[in-house]
Amino acid sequence: MLYISFYSNVSNILIFFIITQWAKIKGFIVTTRKIKKDLRDVLNCILKITRTGFQWRNTDKVYGSWGSVYYYFRKWKNNGSFDAILAQLVEDERVR
């Protein structure tokens, strides 16, 4: 299988997304807002924050400003995108 690493640091755990998983979930996180950062990077940052529990204001500069990452987190949480992503990934695993 091909894996894409969105966070690699010797002192931390590597977190991977399977390419096919990203292809399926990227349709759930569309936005009408003009963006400068890749939405995949934004989603990866949100996953890193929820996994490690660090503060929003301490996000790495690679992901952009913490305010924009938090904006997308609130938006996707409130419109049900995270629920849809989880449902899609669970369905795919059950079929597999």
C-alpha atoms as a PDB file:
ATOM      1  CA  MET A   1       0.000   0.000   0.000  1.00  0.00           C
ATOM      2  CA  LEU A   2       1.084   3.560  -0.630  1.00  0.00           C
ATOM      3  CA  TYR A   3       1.112   5.890   2.335  1.00  0.00           C
ATOM      4  CA  ILE A   4       1.450   9.641   2.559  1.00  0.00           C
ATOM      5  CA  SER A   5       2.961  11.043   5.719  1.00  0.00           C
ATOM      6  CA  PHE A   6       1.592  14.381   6.816  1.00  0.00           C
ATOM      7  CA  TYR A   7       3.715  14.669   9.914  1.00  0.00           C
ATOM      8  CA  SER A   8       7.174  13.279  10.339  1.00  0.00           C
ATOM      9  CA  ASN A   9       9.453  14.076  13.205  1.00  0.00           C
ATOM     10  CA  VAL A  10      11.967  11.736  14.761  1.00  0.00           C
ATOM     11  CA  SER A  11      10.681  12.411  18.256  1.00  0.00           C
ATOM     12  CA  ASN A  12       7.006  11.900  17.420  1.00  0.00           C
ATOM     13  CA  ILE A  13       4.806   9.159  16.048  1.00  0.00           C
ATOM     14  CA  LEU A  14       4.307   9.144  12.295  1.00  0.00           C
ATOM     15  CA  ILE A  15       0.703   9.559  11.266  1.00  0.00           C
ATOM     16  CA  PHE A  16      -0.326   8.279   7.856  1.00  0.00           C
ATOM     17  CA  PHE A  17      -3.191   8.686   5.465  1.00  0.00           C
ATOM     18  CA  ILE A  18      -3.757   6.083   2.811  1.00  0.00           C
ATOM     19  CA  ILE A  19      -4.033   7.774  -0.583  1.00  0.00           C
ATOM     20  CA  THR A  20      -7.361   6.114  -1.317  1.00  0.00           C
ATOM     21  CA  GLN A  21      -8.768   7.357   2.000  1.00  0.00           C
ATOM     22  CA  TRP A  22      -7.835  10.936   1.172  1.00  0.00           C
ATOM     23  CA  ALA A  23      -9.455  10.592  -2.248  1.00  0.00           C
ATOM     24  CA  LYS A  24     -12.722   9.562  -0.581  1.00  0.00           C
ATOM     25  CA  ILE A  25     -12.829  12.150   2.188  1.00  0.00           C
ATOM     26  CA  LYS A  26     -11.676  15.230   0.288  1.00  0.00           C
ATOM     27  CA  GLY A  27     -15.179  15.620  -1.153  1.00  0.00           C
ATOM     28  CA  PHE A  28     -16.568  16.162   2.352  1.00  0.00           C
ATOM     29  CA  ILE A  29     -14.366  19.154   3.163  1.00  0.00           C
ATOM     30  CA  VAL A  30     -15.062  21.467   0.263  1.00  0.00           C
ATOM     31  CA  THR A  31     -15.293  25.176   0.912  1.00  0.00           C
ATOM     32  CA  THR A  32     -16.424  28.258  -0.934  1.00  0.00           C
ATOM     33  CA  ARG A  33     -13.821  30.412   0.789  1.00  0.00           C
ATOM     34  CA  LYS A  34     -10.703  31.345  -1.175  1.00  0.00           C
ATOM     35  CA  ILE A  35      -7.861  29.427   0.423  1.00  0.00           C
ATOM     36  CA  LYS A  36      -4.089  29.707   0.367  1.00  0.00           C
ATOM     37  CA  LYS A  37      -3.321  26.461   2.176  1.00  0.00           C
ATOM     38  CA  ASP A  38      -4.126  22.948   1.070  1.00  0.00           C
ATOM     39  CA  LEU A  39      -7.196  21.637   2.908  1.00  0.00           C
ATOM     40  CA  ARG A  40      -5.345  18.386   3.450  1.00  0.00           C
ATOM     41  CA  ASP A  41      -2.750  20.257   5.514  1.00  0.00           C
ATOM     42  CA  VAL A  42      -5.538  21.897   7.502  1.00  0.00           C
ATOM     43  CA  LEU A  43      -7.207  18.544   8.173  1.00  0.00           C
ATOM     44  CA  ASN A  44      -3.863  17.004   9.118  1.00  0.00           C
ATOM     45  CA  CYS A  45      -3.256  19.809  11.603  1.00  0.00           C
ATOM     46  CA  ILE A  46      -6.701  19.283  13.149  1.00  0.00           C
ATOM     47  CA  LEU A  47      -6.007  15.568  13.500  1.00  0.00           C
ATOM     48  CA  LYS A  48      -2.637  16.298  15.091  1.00  0.00           C
ATOM     49  CA  ILE A  49      -4.233  18.686  17.594  1.00  0.00           C
ATOM     50  CA  THR A  50      -6.938  16.207  18.570  1.00  0.00           C
ATOM     51  CA  ARG A  51      -4.395  13.416  18.907  1.00  0.00           C
ATOM     52  CA  THR A  52      -1.785  15.288  20.942  1.00  0.00           C
ATOM     53  CA  GLY A  53      -4.017  17.752  22.775  1.00  0.00           C
ATOM     54  CA  PHE A  54      -1.835  20.805  22.390  1.00  0.00           C
ATOM     55  CA  GLN A  55      -3.286  24.305  22.202  1.00  0.00           C
ATOM     56  CA  TRP A  56      -4.572  25.825  18.986  1.00  0.00           C
ATOM     57  CA  ARG A  57      -2.211  28.769  19.307  1.00  0.00           C
ATOM     58  CA  ASN A  58       0.768  26.404  19.363  1.00  0.00           C
ATOM     59  CA  THR A  59       0.213  24.960  15.902  1.00  0.00           C
ATOM     60  CA  ASP A  60       3.217  24.650  13.632  1.00  0.00           C
ATOM     61  CA  LYS A  61       3.671  27.448  11.106  1.00  0.00           C
ATOM     62  CA  VAL A  62       3.744  24.835   8.343  1.00  0.00           C
ATOM     63  CA  TYR A  63      -0.020  24.493   8.666  1.00  0.00           C
ATOM     64  CA  GLY A  64      -0.714  28.224   8.504  1.00  0.00           C
ATOM     65  CA  SER A  65      -2.163  30.452  11.171  1.00  0.00           C
ATOM     66  CA  TRP A  66      -3.942  28.826  14.072  1.00  0.00           C
ATOM     67  CA  GLY A  67      -6.972  31.028  13.416  1.00  0.00           C
ATOM     68  CA  SER A  68      -7.552  29.664   9.937  1.00  0.00           C
ATOM     69  CA  VAL A  69      -7.115  26.073  11.103  1.00  0.00           C
ATOM     70  CA  TYR A  70      -9.585  26.677  13.948  1.00  0.00           C
ATOM     71  CA  TYR A  71     -12.019  28.325  11.508  1.00  0.00           C
ATOM     72  CA  TYR A  72     -12.142  25.165   9.404  1.00  0.00           C
ATOM     73  CA  PHE A  73     -12.406  22.959  12.494  1.00  0.00           C
ATOM     74  CA  ARG A  74     -15.470  24.898  13.714  1.00  0.00           C
ATOM     75  CA  LYS A  75     -16.997  24.967  10.248  1.00  0.00           C
ATOM     76  CA  TRP A  76     -16.552  21.244   9.585  1.00  0.00           C
ATOM     77  CA  LYS A  77     -17.679  20.327  13.092  1.00  0.00           C
ATOM     78  CA  ASN A  78     -20.849  22.393  12.835  1.00  0.00           C
ATOM     79  CA  ASN A  79     -21.837  21.328   9.317  1.00  0.00           C
ATOM     80  CA  GLY A  80     -21.327  17.603   9.993  1.00  0.00           C
ATOM     81  CA  SER A  81     -18.311  17.036   7.749  1.00  0.00           C
ATOM     82  CA  PHE A  82     -16.430  15.067  10.394  1.00  0.00           C
ATOM     83  CA  ASP A  83     -19.419  12.773  10.941  1.00  0.00           C
ATOM     84  CA  ALA A  84     -19.685  12.184   7.192  1.00  0.00           C
ATOM     85  CA  ILE A  85     -15.962  11.441   6.907  1.00  0.00           C
ATOM     86  CA  LEU A  86     -16.099   8.967   9.777  1.00  0.00           C
ATOM     87  CA  ALA A  87     -19.191   7.263   8.343  1.00  0.00           C
ATOM     88  CA  GLN A  88     -17.518   6.929   4.935  1.00  0.00           C
ATOM     89  CA  LEU A  89     -14.296   5.482   6.339  1.00  0.00           C
ATOM     90  CA  VAL A  90     -16.173   3.033   8.578  1.00  0.00           C
ATOM     91  CA  GLU A  91     -18.315   1.897   5.648  1.00  0.00           C
ATOM     92  CA  ASP A  92     -15.224   1.321   3.517  1.00  0.00           C
ATOM     93  CA  GLU A  93     -13.597  -0.764   6.244  1.00  0.00           C
ATOM     94  CA  ARG A  94     -16.696  -2.893   6.699  1.00  0.00           C
ATOM     95  CA  VAL A  95     -16.822  -3.632   2.993  1.00  0.00           C
ATOM     96  CA  ARG A  96     -13.144  -4.504   2.984  1.00  0.00           C
END
